[in-house]
């Protein structure tokens, strides 16, 4: 049996593919030549499952999506207080490349616009990492610049759970026309926000923006932030919980440039976009989301990507301000039971023979079924909890542990979101299609009301 999640993502991808408005970024030759019809979508859970569809193997430069990760690395390298001295946290309400600084302090408004990102990049350490041997020689790519880039590239690779490479051809093309970023760097140098020569600051920042990623990479990177800085696949601590929390806070209000307020109100997912066409979103404690489609709207966000996130947020109940709390242990127990051999307990309940903490009350609606696979769910089921349920059943199927008779028991479930209802119903449909007999124990009628 196949999980319905990839099929759902394919459906979202297809539904959003008809909008061909917008245009690819044309001020960088490598981006101007991008295939506008390539698109992809991915979800990564905080316990390490990655679902990716569409152009899953297509590599693109990370561009501004690197900004939150560089910010988090800088916080851990020199401390939050020192970072806040150089970079603010307020929405600018202006374009990502606006030449403006915060009144009174001279700081960039936040790390998600170019001025703040260039400043953040200059804050990471250079005394540990060896320069990337693939980095070509160039006047402004000094030893210090190469060490700083190596530090950031190593951090991005840890977020992605694989070694990333830099597309130096794209980096050189972008640097050759980086006049506005150079002006921003001179402005930062004039206010003593950065101390290195402006050309070196821009050179290093652009090299990092040219790291190559896939949609699955950035979904996992987002899930690492959702998992308080620990990579869900490797288990490695990439950044501290403090750095992850601070980064997500700024992403929520500043990550989508001058469309950030509208994004937060309508979609409600802390996010960051890049001009190559990628968008990441983070639901703390739940999932990392990522989309890719190169056509951009007037503020520099992917047209189809925004639509994909609107659909995901609405269908899966992912708005940050939702009052439904997810359960991190949605599957209380799954195993083989036989109620024809179960002894009654002292309090009149019947134990399931496998989970000492579970007791099914006689009035919970469960009929005698004999030998079966029993799946006991609990708590509040939103997308993340329903996904864990699907995965547990698919794993049991693939390991040949799923019997012909299956009991799906919702007696301990407090509530279930609309997305959870659809996912559980689809699970039952697919099991029955594959000749399994399914009895759903749902005393509170959560799947029907």
Protein backbone atom coordinates (compact mmCIF):
# COMPACT_ATOMS: atom_id res chain seq x y z
CA UNK A 1 0.00 0.00 0.00
CA UNK A 2 1.27 3.46 -0.92
CA UNK A 3 0.91 6.45 1.39
CA UNK A 4 -1.63 8.96 0.01
CA UNK A 5 0.61 11.93 0.86
CA UNK A 6 2.69 11.88 -2.38
CA UNK A 7 -0.56 11.58 -4.36
CA UNK A 8 -1.97 14.58 -2.53
CA UNK A 9 1.19 16.60 -3.23
CA UNK A 10 0.96 15.65 -6.92
CA UNK A 11 -2.62 16.89 -6.90
CA UNK A 12 -1.57 20.24 -5.40
CA UNK A 13 1.29 20.56 -7.89
CA UNK A 14 -1.02 19.88 -10.84
CA UNK A 15 -3.71 22.24 -9.57
CA UNK A 16 -1.23 25.13 -9.31
CA UNK A 17 0.61 24.49 -12.58
CA UNK A 18 -1.94 26.20 -14.83
CA UNK A 19 -1.00 29.71 -13.64
CA UNK A 20 1.82 30.83 -15.93
CA UNK A 21 1.83 34.46 -14.87
CA UNK A 22 4.96 36.14 -13.57
CA UNK A 23 8.45 35.84 -14.98
CA UNK A 24 11.82 34.38 -14.09
CA UNK A 25 14.43 36.65 -12.49
CA UNK A 26 16.15 38.24 -15.48
CA UNK A 27 18.93 40.24 -13.84
CA UNK A 28 21.15 37.19 -13.35
CA UNK A 29 22.00 35.33 -16.60
CA UNK A 30 21.83 31.86 -15.03
CA UNK A 31 18.39 32.57 -13.53
CA UNK A 32 17.12 34.23 -16.70
CA UNK A 33 17.78 30.99 -18.61
CA UNK A 34 15.93 28.78 -16.10
CA UNK A 35 13.19 26.48 -17.40
CA UNK A 36 10.01 28.24 -16.19
CA UNK A 37 7.96 25.04 -16.33
CA UNK A 38 9.96 23.01 -13.79
CA UNK A 39 8.14 22.82 -10.47
CA UNK A 40 8.37 20.71 -7.33
CA UNK A 41 6.85 20.36 -3.87
CA UNK A 42 8.12 18.66 -0.71
CA UNK A 43 7.22 18.03 2.94
CA UNK A 44 9.64 16.89 5.63
CA UNK A 45 8.39 15.81 9.05
CA UNK A 46 10.29 16.49 12.26
CA UNK A 47 10.94 12.78 12.67
CA UNK A 48 12.66 12.34 9.33
CA UNK A 49 10.18 11.44 6.58
CA UNK A 50 10.57 13.43 3.35
CA UNK A 51 7.91 13.41 0.62
CA UNK A 52 8.87 15.15 -2.64
CA UNK A 53 7.12 15.27 -6.01
CA UNK A 54 7.56 16.95 -9.38
CA UNK A 55 11.10 18.00 -10.27
CA UNK A 56 12.49 16.45 -7.10
CA UNK A 57 16.01 16.05 -8.55
CA UNK A 58 16.18 19.51 -10.11
CA UNK A 59 18.94 21.61 -8.53
CA UNK A 60 18.65 25.37 -8.23
CA UNK A 61 20.60 28.03 -6.38
CA UNK A 62 19.30 28.66 -2.89
CA UNK A 63 19.46 32.48 -3.20
CA UNK A 64 17.65 34.33 -0.38
CA UNK A 65 16.40 31.12 1.24
CA UNK A 66 19.88 30.95 2.78
CA UNK A 67 19.16 34.07 4.86
CA UNK A 68 17.39 32.48 7.86
CA UNK A 69 20.00 29.72 8.09
CA UNK A 70 22.93 32.15 7.98
CA UNK A 71 21.19 34.22 10.66
CA UNK A 72 20.81 31.16 12.90
CA UNK A 73 24.47 30.21 12.40
CA UNK A 74 25.57 33.75 13.28
CA UNK A 75 23.53 33.66 16.50
CA UNK A 76 25.30 30.50 17.62
CA UNK A 77 28.72 31.75 16.49
CA UNK A 78 28.76 35.06 18.37
CA UNK A 79 25.61 35.13 20.53
CA UNK A 80 22.18 36.68 20.08
CA UNK A 81 23.00 39.95 21.85
CA UNK A 82 25.90 40.73 19.51
CA UNK A 83 23.82 39.81 16.46
CA UNK A 84 21.03 42.15 17.61
CA UNK A 85 23.55 44.98 17.88
CA UNK A 86 24.18 44.67 14.14
CA UNK A 87 20.82 43.54 12.72
CA UNK A 88 17.28 44.46 13.82
CA UNK A 89 14.13 42.33 13.80
CA UNK A 90 11.45 44.73 12.54
CA UNK A 91 9.59 44.37 9.22
CA UNK A 92 10.82 46.97 6.77
CA UNK A 93 7.69 47.18 4.62
CA UNK A 94 10.05 47.71 1.69
CA UNK A 95 11.52 45.71 -1.18
CA UNK A 96 14.20 43.11 -0.37
CA UNK A 97 16.97 45.23 -1.94
CA UNK A 98 15.93 48.59 -0.55
CA UNK A 99 18.77 50.88 0.51
CA UNK A 100 17.54 51.89 3.95
CA UNK A 101 18.57 51.43 7.55
CA UNK A 102 16.81 51.68 10.90
CA UNK A 103 16.56 55.22 12.22
CA UNK A 104 18.71 55.93 15.25
CA UNK A 105 20.71 52.68 15.23
CA UNK A 106 21.85 52.50 11.61
CA UNK A 107 21.13 48.75 11.64
CA UNK A 108 19.43 46.89 8.78
CA UNK A 109 15.77 46.40 9.67
CA UNK A 110 15.96 42.59 9.70
CA UNK A 111 18.10 39.70 8.43
CA UNK A 112 15.65 38.68 5.67
CA UNK A 113 16.35 41.68 3.43
CA UNK A 114 19.64 42.04 1.58
CA UNK A 115 21.14 44.64 3.91
CA UNK A 116 20.50 42.43 6.95
CA UNK A 117 21.64 39.29 5.16
CA UNK A 118 24.96 40.83 4.11
CA UNK A 119 25.49 41.98 7.70
CA UNK A 120 24.54 38.55 9.11
CA UNK A 121 26.95 36.81 6.76
CA UNK A 122 29.79 38.99 8.07
CA UNK A 123 29.05 37.88 11.65
CA UNK A 124 29.84 34.17 11.26
CA UNK A 125 33.23 32.87 12.37
CA UNK A 126 36.18 32.39 10.02
CA UNK A 127 38.73 30.78 12.34
CA UNK A 128 37.66 27.11 12.15
CA UNK A 129 36.73 26.13 8.63
CA UNK A 130 39.13 25.45 5.77
CA UNK A 131 38.33 27.19 2.46
CA UNK A 132 36.38 25.27 -0.18
CA UNK A 133 39.01 23.82 -2.57
CA UNK A 134 36.53 24.23 -5.45
CA UNK A 135 36.42 28.00 -4.92
CA UNK A 136 38.10 29.64 -7.95
CA UNK A 137 40.64 32.39 -7.55
CA UNK A 138 39.25 35.92 -7.78
CA UNK A 139 40.39 39.31 -6.54
CA UNK A 140 37.76 39.77 -3.83
CA UNK A 141 37.51 36.09 -2.87
CA UNK A 142 40.18 36.44 -0.20
CA UNK A 143 41.24 33.83 2.36
CA UNK A 144 38.90 35.34 4.92
CA UNK A 145 35.99 35.40 2.47
CA UNK A 146 36.61 31.77 1.52
CA UNK A 147 36.76 30.69 5.17
CA UNK A 148 33.51 32.47 5.97
CA UNK A 149 31.81 30.89 2.95
CA UNK A 150 33.14 27.48 4.01
CA UNK A 151 31.64 27.96 7.48
CA UNK A 152 28.23 28.83 6.05
CA UNK A 153 28.34 26.10 3.40
CA UNK A 154 29.18 23.56 6.10
CA UNK A 155 26.22 24.78 8.13
CA UNK A 156 23.84 24.63 5.17
CA UNK A 157 25.07 21.11 4.42
CA UNK A 158 24.35 20.07 8.01
CA UNK A 159 20.82 21.47 7.67
CA UNK A 160 20.35 19.49 4.42
CA UNK A 161 22.02 16.28 5.68
CA UNK A 162 24.32 16.14 2.65
CA UNK A 163 27.31 18.01 1.24
CA UNK A 164 26.15 20.96 -0.84
CA UNK A 165 28.13 22.58 -3.64
CA UNK A 166 28.29 26.15 -4.89
CA UNK A 167 27.55 27.04 -8.50
CA UNK A 168 30.48 29.41 -8.95
CA UNK A 169 29.47 30.29 -12.53
CA UNK A 170 26.19 31.68 -11.24
CA UNK A 171 28.00 33.38 -8.36
CA UNK A 172 30.41 35.12 -10.76
CA UNK A 173 27.57 36.24 -13.05
CA UNK A 174 25.65 37.63 -10.10
CA UNK A 175 28.67 39.38 -8.63
CA UNK A 176 29.43 41.07 -11.97
CA UNK A 177 26.08 42.87 -11.85
CA UNK A 178 25.75 43.29 -8.06
CA UNK A 179 25.81 47.08 -8.15
CA UNK A 180 22.90 47.57 -5.77
CA UNK A 181 24.27 45.05 -3.25
CA UNK A 182 27.61 46.84 -3.47
CA UNK A 183 25.87 50.12 -2.69
CA UNK A 184 24.13 48.46 0.27
CA UNK A 185 27.47 47.12 1.53
CA UNK A 186 29.06 50.58 1.26
CA UNK A 187 26.14 51.97 3.26
CA UNK A 188 26.69 49.29 5.93
CA UNK A 189 30.42 50.03 6.00
CA UNK A 190 29.71 53.76 6.36
CA UNK A 191 27.65 53.01 9.49
CA UNK A 192 30.25 50.56 10.85
CA UNK A 193 27.79 47.66 10.66
CA UNK A 194 30.42 45.74 8.69
CA UNK A 195 34.15 46.27 8.93
CA UNK A 196 35.47 44.38 5.90
CA UNK A 197 35.74 45.94 2.44
CA UNK A 198 32.26 46.08 0.83
CA UNK A 199 33.36 44.07 -2.23
CA UNK A 200 34.50 41.20 0.01
CA UNK A 201 31.24 41.24 1.97
CA UNK A 202 29.18 41.07 -1.22
CA UNK A 203 31.46 38.44 -2.75
CA UNK A 204 30.99 36.04 0.16
CA UNK A 205 27.25 36.69 0.45
CA UNK A 206 26.67 35.97 -3.24
CA UNK A 207 28.78 32.79 -3.13
CA UNK A 208 26.53 31.45 -0.35
CA UNK A 209 23.39 32.43 -2.31
CA UNK A 210 24.70 30.25 -5.15
CA UNK A 211 24.67 26.98 -3.16
CA UNK A 212 22.82 24.28 -5.13
CA UNK A 213 19.81 22.58 -3.51
CA UNK A 214 16.77 20.49 -4.39
CA UNK A 215 13.26 20.97 -3.09
CA UNK A 216 13.77 18.01 -0.75
CA UNK A 217 16.95 19.61 0.61
CA UNK A 218 15.25 22.84 1.59
CA UNK A 219 12.23 21.00 3.03
CA UNK A 220 14.59 19.09 5.33
CA UNK A 221 16.45 22.30 6.17
CA UNK A 222 13.11 23.86 7.14
CA UNK A 223 12.23 20.77 9.19
CA UNK A 224 15.51 21.17 11.07
CA UNK A 225 14.36 24.61 12.19
CA UNK A 226 10.96 23.12 13.04
CA UNK A 227 12.77 20.51 15.15
CA UNK A 228 14.46 23.19 17.32
CA UNK A 229 17.70 23.02 15.31
CA UNK A 230 18.22 19.23 15.27
CA UNK A 231 18.33 17.55 11.87
CA UNK A 232 15.49 14.98 11.76
CA UNK A 233 17.49 12.49 9.67
CA UNK A 234 21.01 12.67 11.10
CA UNK A 235 20.01 13.58 14.66
CA UNK A 236 22.82 16.17 14.67
CA UNK A 237 22.36 19.44 16.52
CA UNK A 238 22.86 22.05 13.75
CA UNK A 239 21.86 25.18 15.66
CA UNK A 240 20.64 25.78 19.19
CA UNK A 241 16.93 25.94 20.13
CA UNK A 242 17.47 29.64 20.88
CA UNK A 243 18.81 30.30 17.38
CA UNK A 244 15.99 28.28 15.78
CA UNK A 245 13.28 30.07 17.79
CA UNK A 246 14.71 33.53 17.04
CA UNK A 247 15.01 32.71 13.34
CA UNK A 248 11.43 31.45 13.09
CA UNK A 249 10.15 34.56 14.87
CA UNK A 250 11.80 36.81 12.29
CA UNK A 251 10.69 34.61 9.39
CA UNK A 252 7.07 34.92 10.53
CA UNK A 253 7.05 38.70 10.22
CA UNK A 254 9.76 39.43 7.64
CA UNK A 255 10.38 36.38 5.50
CA UNK A 256 8.21 37.31 2.50
CA UNK A 257 9.50 40.86 2.03
CA UNK A 258 6.83 43.56 1.70
CA UNK A 259 4.20 40.83 1.33
CA UNK A 260 4.96 39.38 4.78
CA UNK A 261 1.89 40.73 6.55
CA UNK A 262 -0.49 39.46 3.89
CA UNK A 263 1.30 36.08 3.87
CA UNK A 264 1.06 35.69 7.65
CA UNK A 265 -2.62 36.63 7.71
CA UNK A 266 -3.69 34.42 4.79
CA UNK A 267 -1.28 31.48 4.99
CA UNK A 268 0.06 31.69 8.54
CA UNK A 269 3.31 29.78 8.05
CA UNK A 270 6.74 31.30 8.86
CA UNK A 271 8.40 31.33 5.45
CA UNK A 272 11.25 32.54 3.25
CA UNK A 273 11.40 32.90 -0.50
CA UNK A 274 14.23 33.18 -3.02
CA UNK A 275 14.41 34.71 -6.50
CA UNK A 276 15.35 31.39 -8.10
CA UNK A 277 11.78 30.30 -7.35
CA UNK A 278 11.98 28.45 -4.04
CA UNK A 279 9.90 28.97 -0.90
CA UNK A 280 10.30 27.28 2.47
CA UNK A 281 7.80 27.19 5.31
CA UNK A 282 8.15 25.99 8.90
CA UNK A 283 5.53 24.74 11.34
CA UNK A 284 7.37 24.46 14.70
CA UNK A 285 7.29 20.92 16.04
CA UNK A 286 5.51 19.60 12.94
CA UNK A 287 6.91 19.94 9.43
CA UNK A 288 9.14 21.77 6.99
CA UNK A 289 7.55 22.64 3.64
CA UNK A 290 9.19 23.62 0.35
CA UNK A 291 8.09 24.52 -3.15
CA UNK A 292 9.91 25.43 -6.35
CA UNK A 293 8.63 27.23 -9.43
CA UNK A 294 10.73 29.94 -11.15
CA UNK A 295 8.04 32.41 -12.25
CA UNK A 296 7.97 35.32 -9.78
CA UNK A 297 5.34 37.89 -8.84
CA UNK A 298 5.89 41.64 -8.49
CA UNK A 299 7.49 41.34 -5.02
CA UNK A 300 9.84 38.49 -5.97
CA UNK A 301 7.92 35.47 -4.66
CA UNK A 302 7.14 32.38 -6.74
CA UNK A 303 3.64 32.68 -8.23
CA UNK A 304 2.88 28.98 -8.18
CA UNK A 305 4.75 28.53 -4.91
CA UNK A 306 2.48 31.00 -3.13
CA UNK A 307 -0.54 29.13 -4.48
CA UNK A 308 0.90 25.80 -3.33
CA UNK A 309 1.34 27.14 0.19
CA UNK A 310 -2.17 28.60 0.19
CA UNK A 311 -3.54 25.18 -0.73
CA UNK A 312 -1.41 23.32 1.84
CA UNK A 313 -2.33 25.73 4.63
CA UNK A 314 -6.06 25.53 3.87
CA UNK A 315 -6.23 21.78 3.25
CA UNK A 316 -4.02 20.70 6.10
CA UNK A 317 -4.96 23.26 8.75
CA UNK A 318 -1.40 24.56 9.05
CA UNK A 319 -2.09 28.20 9.93
CA UNK A 320 0.17 29.17 12.83
CA UNK A 321 -2.69 30.88 14.64
CA UNK A 322 -4.93 27.81 14.60
CA UNK A 323 -5.99 26.80 18.11
CA UNK A 324 -5.69 23.08 17.36
CA UNK A 325 -2.68 21.61 19.13
CA UNK A 326 -0.86 18.72 17.44
CA UNK A 327 -0.10 15.44 19.14
CA UNK A 328 3.49 14.27 18.85
CA UNK A 329 2.44 10.74 19.86
CA UNK A 330 -0.63 10.24 17.71
CA UNK A 331 -0.08 6.49 17.39
CA UNK A 332 -0.36 5.20 20.93
CA UNK A 333 0.13 1.59 19.92
CA UNK A 334 0.01 -0.70 16.90
CA UNK A 335 0.21 -4.48 17.08
CA UNK A 336 -1.53 -7.85 16.90
CA UNK A 337 -4.33 -8.65 19.36
CA UNK A 338 -6.97 -11.34 19.81
CA UNK A 339 -9.93 -10.39 22.03
CA UNK A 340 -11.14 -13.98 22.19
CA UNK A 341 -8.21 -14.80 24.50
CA UNK A 342 -8.00 -11.57 26.53
CA UNK A 343 -8.64 -11.80 30.27
CA UNK A 344 -10.82 -9.21 31.96
CA UNK A 345 -9.05 -6.83 34.32
CA UNK A 346 -10.10 -6.06 37.90
CA UNK A 347 -11.93 -2.89 36.89
CA UNK A 348 -14.06 -4.66 34.28
CA UNK A 349 -12.15 -3.43 31.22
CA UNK A 350 -10.55 -5.67 28.66
CA UNK A 351 -6.81 -5.30 28.03
CA UNK A 352 -5.57 -5.56 24.45
CA UNK A 353 -2.75 -7.96 25.31
CA UNK A 354 -0.03 -5.81 23.84
CA UNK A 355 -0.08 -2.33 25.31
CA UNK A 356 -0.07 -2.31 29.13
CA UNK A 357 -1.20 1.30 29.14
CA UNK A 358 -4.23 0.69 26.94
CA UNK A 359 -7.61 -0.57 28.11
CA UNK A 360 -10.63 -0.53 25.84
CA UNK A 361 -13.86 0.15 27.67
CA UNK A 362 -16.72 -2.26 26.90
CA UNK A 363 -18.86 0.64 25.61
CA UNK A 364 -16.26 2.09 23.22
CA UNK A 365 -18.06 0.52 20.26
CA UNK A 366 -15.43 -2.08 19.40
CA UNK A 367 -17.05 -5.34 18.27
CA UNK A 368 -15.41 -8.71 18.96
CA UNK A 369 -13.10 -9.25 16.02
CA UNK A 370 -10.75 -12.01 17.09
CA UNK A 371 -7.25 -11.94 15.66
CA UNK A 372 -6.46 -8.55 14.11
CA UNK A 373 -4.02 -5.67 13.76
CA UNK A 374 -5.03 -2.94 16.18
CA UNK A 375 -4.06 0.71 15.70
CA UNK A 376 -4.76 2.89 18.75
CA UNK A 377 -4.70 6.64 18.15
CA UNK A 378 -4.78 9.43 20.72
CA UNK A 379 -4.70 13.18 21.29
CA UNK A 380 -5.39 15.82 18.65
CA UNK A 381 -4.84 14.68 15.08
CA UNK A 382 -3.71 17.40 12.70
CA UNK A 383 -1.63 16.79 9.61
CA UNK A 384 1.50 15.70 11.48
CA UNK A 385 -0.41 13.19 13.64
CA UNK A 386 -2.34 11.79 10.70
CA UNK A 387 0.91 11.47 8.73
CA UNK A 388 2.43 9.43 11.55
CA UNK A 389 -0.65 7.19 11.47
CA UNK A 390 -0.36 6.63 7.72
CA UNK A 391 3.35 5.91 8.04
CA UNK A 392 2.85 3.40 10.85
CA UNK A 393 0.27 1.47 8.83
CA UNK A 394 2.34 1.58 5.62
CA UNK A 395 5.38 0.34 7.57
CA UNK A 396 3.32 -2.54 8.97
CA UNK A 397 2.10 -3.33 5.45
CA UNK A 398 5.62 -3.32 3.99
CA UNK A 399 6.92 -5.58 6.79
CA UNK A 400 4.02 -8.02 6.23
CA UNK A 401 2.77 -7.43 9.80
CA UNK A 402 -0.62 -6.05 8.74
CA UNK A 403 -3.30 -8.74 9.15
CA UNK A 404 -6.42 -9.17 7.04
CA UNK A 405 -8.56 -7.67 9.82
CA UNK A 406 -7.68 -4.20 11.10
CA UNK A 407 -9.13 -2.18 13.94
CA UNK A 408 -8.55 1.58 13.78
CA UNK A 409 -9.42 2.82 17.27
CA UNK A 410 -10.16 6.51 17.82
CA UNK A 411 -11.61 6.16 21.33
CA UNK A 412 -8.66 8.11 22.80
CA UNK A 413 -8.67 10.86 20.14
CA UNK A 414 -9.80 14.23 21.52
CA UNK A 415 -10.29 16.00 18.19
CA UNK A 416 -9.28 15.73 14.56
CA UNK A 417 -8.73 18.46 11.96
CA UNK A 418 -10.29 18.50 8.53
CA UNK A 419 -6.97 17.39 7.04
CA UNK A 420 -6.79 14.55 9.55
CA UNK A 421 -10.31 13.39 8.65
CA UNK A 422 -9.47 13.30 4.94
CA UNK A 423 -6.20 11.46 5.51
CA UNK A 424 -7.71 8.81 7.81
CA UNK A 425 -10.64 8.28 5.44
CA UNK A 426 -8.23 7.84 2.54
CA UNK A 427 -6.21 5.36 4.61
CA UNK A 428 -9.36 3.28 5.20
CA UNK A 429 -10.31 3.47 1.52
CA UNK A 430 -6.89 2.23 0.41
CA UNK A 431 -6.86 -0.59 2.95
CA UNK A 432 -10.28 -1.77 1.80
CA UNK A 433 -9.23 -1.47 -1.82
CA UNK A 434 -6.39 -3.86 -0.98
CA UNK A 435 -8.80 -6.43 0.49
CA UNK A 436 -8.35 -5.59 4.16
CA UNK A 437 -11.37 -5.66 6.48
CA UNK A 438 -11.35 -2.42 8.46
CA UNK A 439 -13.43 -1.62 11.52
CA UNK A 440 -13.20 1.98 12.70
CA UNK A 441 -13.93 2.43 16.42
CA UNK A 442 -15.09 6.04 16.58
CA UNK A 443 -17.40 6.48 19.61
CA UNK A 444 -17.41 10.28 19.30
CA UNK A 445 -18.10 10.19 15.55
CA UNK A 446 -15.04 12.29 14.80
CA UNK A 447 -14.80 11.02 11.23
CA UNK A 448 -18.44 11.61 10.43
CA UNK A 449 -19.46 14.82 12.21
